[in-house]
Amino acid sequence: MVRENPHKLEIKERMKELIREGKPRDYVIDTIKDEFKGLVHKNTPYEWWKDLVQEEDIKEWEKENKKEVISLYDHKRKAKKDLYYWTYNRYMKLLLDFETNENENPDLLDEIYKLQDRLNLYLKRVE
């Protein structure tokens, strides 16, 4: 018969706190081993981890947190698109200014080349 650890509930609650803080599994288990040294066997937190990730409150937290991560990803994707279109519009405006000017402005031409390189770089990243 296996003996029940008297600190099991306390340790599991601490593991839940660390999970809700967004810490990875290895960090959680190493922290538990350090904080509860001598009170828990070195392999026991791994078994408890399997039980904890199946509990309903942890699953709900992961769903909520996943939405935040997805929204952050969408935000970054939108920012990259906005930056590309801003650069493209600036490039087209400078190109039009260059075509309408009768005398060549080397600074304007240099700016056009820089924006063209930047647009090419954006397109390479997308591919």
Protein backbone atom coordinates (compact mmCIF):
# COMPACT_ATOMS: atom_id res chain seq x y z
CA MET A 1 0.00 0.00 0.00
CA VAL A 2 1.29 3.43 -0.95
CA ARG A 3 1.58 6.07 1.73
CA GLU A 4 -0.12 9.42 1.01
CA ASN A 5 2.12 12.49 1.19
CA PRO A 6 0.80 14.85 3.91
CA HIS A 7 1.98 17.90 1.90
CA LYS A 8 0.31 16.80 -1.33
CA LEU A 9 -2.45 19.45 -1.35
CA GLU A 10 -0.05 22.25 -0.46
CA ILE A 11 2.39 21.20 -3.18
CA LYS A 12 -0.33 20.83 -5.80
CA GLU A 13 -1.66 24.31 -5.00
CA ARG A 14 1.83 25.74 -5.41
CA MET A 15 2.13 23.92 -8.74
CA LYS A 16 -1.19 25.42 -9.86
CA GLU A 17 0.03 28.90 -8.91
CA LEU A 18 3.15 28.45 -11.02
CA ILE A 19 1.12 27.11 -13.94
CA ARG A 20 -1.20 30.13 -13.78
CA GLU A 21 1.86 32.38 -13.84
CA GLY A 22 2.65 30.84 -17.22
CA LYS A 23 5.76 28.95 -16.16
CA PRO A 24 6.83 25.91 -18.22
CA ARG A 25 6.61 22.38 -16.88
CA ASP A 26 10.32 21.92 -16.17
CA TYR A 27 10.49 25.20 -14.25
CA VAL A 28 7.44 24.25 -12.16
CA ILE A 29 8.83 20.85 -11.26
CA ASP A 30 12.32 22.18 -10.47
CA THR A 31 10.80 24.88 -8.26
CA ILE A 32 8.70 22.32 -6.40
CA LYS A 33 11.75 20.14 -5.85
CA ASP A 34 13.68 23.12 -4.45
CA GLU A 35 10.89 24.58 -2.29
CA PHE A 36 9.78 21.26 -0.84
CA LYS A 37 13.16 19.55 -0.61
CA GLY A 38 12.92 16.48 1.60
CA LEU A 39 9.11 16.60 1.69
CA VAL A 40 8.52 15.10 -1.74
CA HIS A 41 10.28 12.41 -3.77
CA LYS A 42 12.07 13.69 -6.87
CA ASN A 43 9.75 11.79 -9.27
CA THR A 44 6.45 12.55 -7.56
CA PRO A 45 5.89 16.05 -9.07
CA TYR A 46 5.99 14.51 -12.55
CA GLU A 47 3.08 12.23 -11.64
CA TRP A 48 1.15 15.07 -10.05
CA TRP A 49 1.74 17.23 -13.13
CA LYS A 50 -0.15 14.72 -15.26
CA ASP A 51 -3.11 14.93 -12.87
CA LEU A 52 -3.01 18.72 -12.62
CA VAL A 53 -3.11 19.44 -16.35
CA GLN A 54 -6.25 17.30 -16.60
CA GLU A 55 -8.12 19.31 -13.93
CA GLU A 56 -10.92 21.55 -15.15
CA ASP A 57 -9.66 24.86 -13.70
CA ILE A 58 -6.25 24.44 -15.36
CA LYS A 59 -7.87 23.58 -18.69
CA GLU A 60 -10.03 26.72 -18.47
CA TRP A 61 -6.99 28.84 -17.65
CA GLU A 62 -5.13 27.40 -20.65
CA LYS A 63 -8.06 28.21 -22.95
CA GLU A 64 -8.19 31.81 -21.71
CA ASN A 65 -4.43 32.18 -21.99
CA LYS A 66 -4.43 30.70 -25.50
CA LYS A 67 -6.82 33.43 -26.63
CA GLU A 68 -4.39 36.06 -25.35
CA VAL A 69 -1.50 34.47 -27.23
CA ILE A 70 -3.52 34.25 -30.43
CA SER A 71 -4.62 37.85 -30.15
CA LEU A 72 -1.01 38.94 -29.61
CA TYR A 73 -0.02 37.00 -32.75
CA ASP A 74 -2.84 38.63 -34.71
CA HIS A 75 -1.78 42.04 -33.43
CA LYS A 76 1.81 41.51 -34.60
CA ARG A 77 0.63 40.24 -37.98
CA LYS A 78 -1.58 43.30 -38.45
CA ALA A 79 1.27 45.60 -37.42
CA LYS A 80 3.55 44.03 -40.04
CA LYS A 81 0.90 44.50 -42.72
CA ASP A 82 0.35 48.11 -41.68
CA LEU A 83 4.06 48.77 -41.78
CA TYR A 84 4.31 47.26 -45.25
CA TYR A 85 1.42 49.36 -46.61
CA TRP A 86 2.74 52.51 -44.96
CA THR A 87 6.12 51.91 -46.61
CA TYR A 88 4.48 51.13 -49.95
CA ASN A 89 2.37 54.32 -49.88
CA ARG A 90 5.41 56.40 -48.97
CA TYR A 91 7.38 54.75 -51.78
CA MET A 92 4.65 55.50 -54.34
CA LYS A 93 4.37 59.11 -53.17
CA LEU A 94 8.13 59.68 -53.43
CA LEU A 95 8.22 57.98 -56.80
CA LEU A 96 5.47 60.28 -58.07
CA ASP A 97 7.32 63.30 -56.68
CA PHE A 98 10.50 62.17 -58.42
CA GLU A 99 8.71 61.73 -61.74
CA THR A 100 7.07 65.17 -61.56
CA ASN A 101 10.28 67.01 -60.64
CA GLU A 102 12.26 68.27 -63.60
CA ASN A 103 15.61 68.31 -61.85
CA GLU A 104 16.95 65.19 -60.18
CA ASN A 105 17.20 65.27 -56.42
CA PRO A 106 19.83 62.74 -55.22
CA ASP A 107 18.40 62.66 -51.69
CA LEU A 108 14.95 61.82 -53.01
CA LEU A 109 16.37 59.12 -55.25
CA ASP A 110 18.35 57.67 -52.35
CA GLU A 111 15.18 57.58 -50.21
CA ILE A 112 13.31 55.79 -53.00
CA TYR A 113 16.03 53.13 -53.22
CA LYS A 114 15.96 52.62 -49.44
CA LEU A 115 12.18 52.17 -49.45
CA GLN A 116 12.41 49.82 -52.42
CA ASP A 117 14.96 47.68 -50.54
CA ARG A 118 12.76 47.66 -47.47
CA LEU A 119 9.73 46.56 -49.50
CA ASN A 120 11.76 43.77 -51.09
CA LEU A 121 12.82 42.66 -47.62
CA TYR A 122 9.19 42.54 -46.44
CA LEU A 123 8.23 40.46 -49.44
CA LYS A 124 11.09 38.01 -48.87
CA ARG A 125 9.96 37.50 -45.28
CA VAL A 126 6.44 36.70 -46.42
CA GLU A 127 7.61 34.01 -48.85
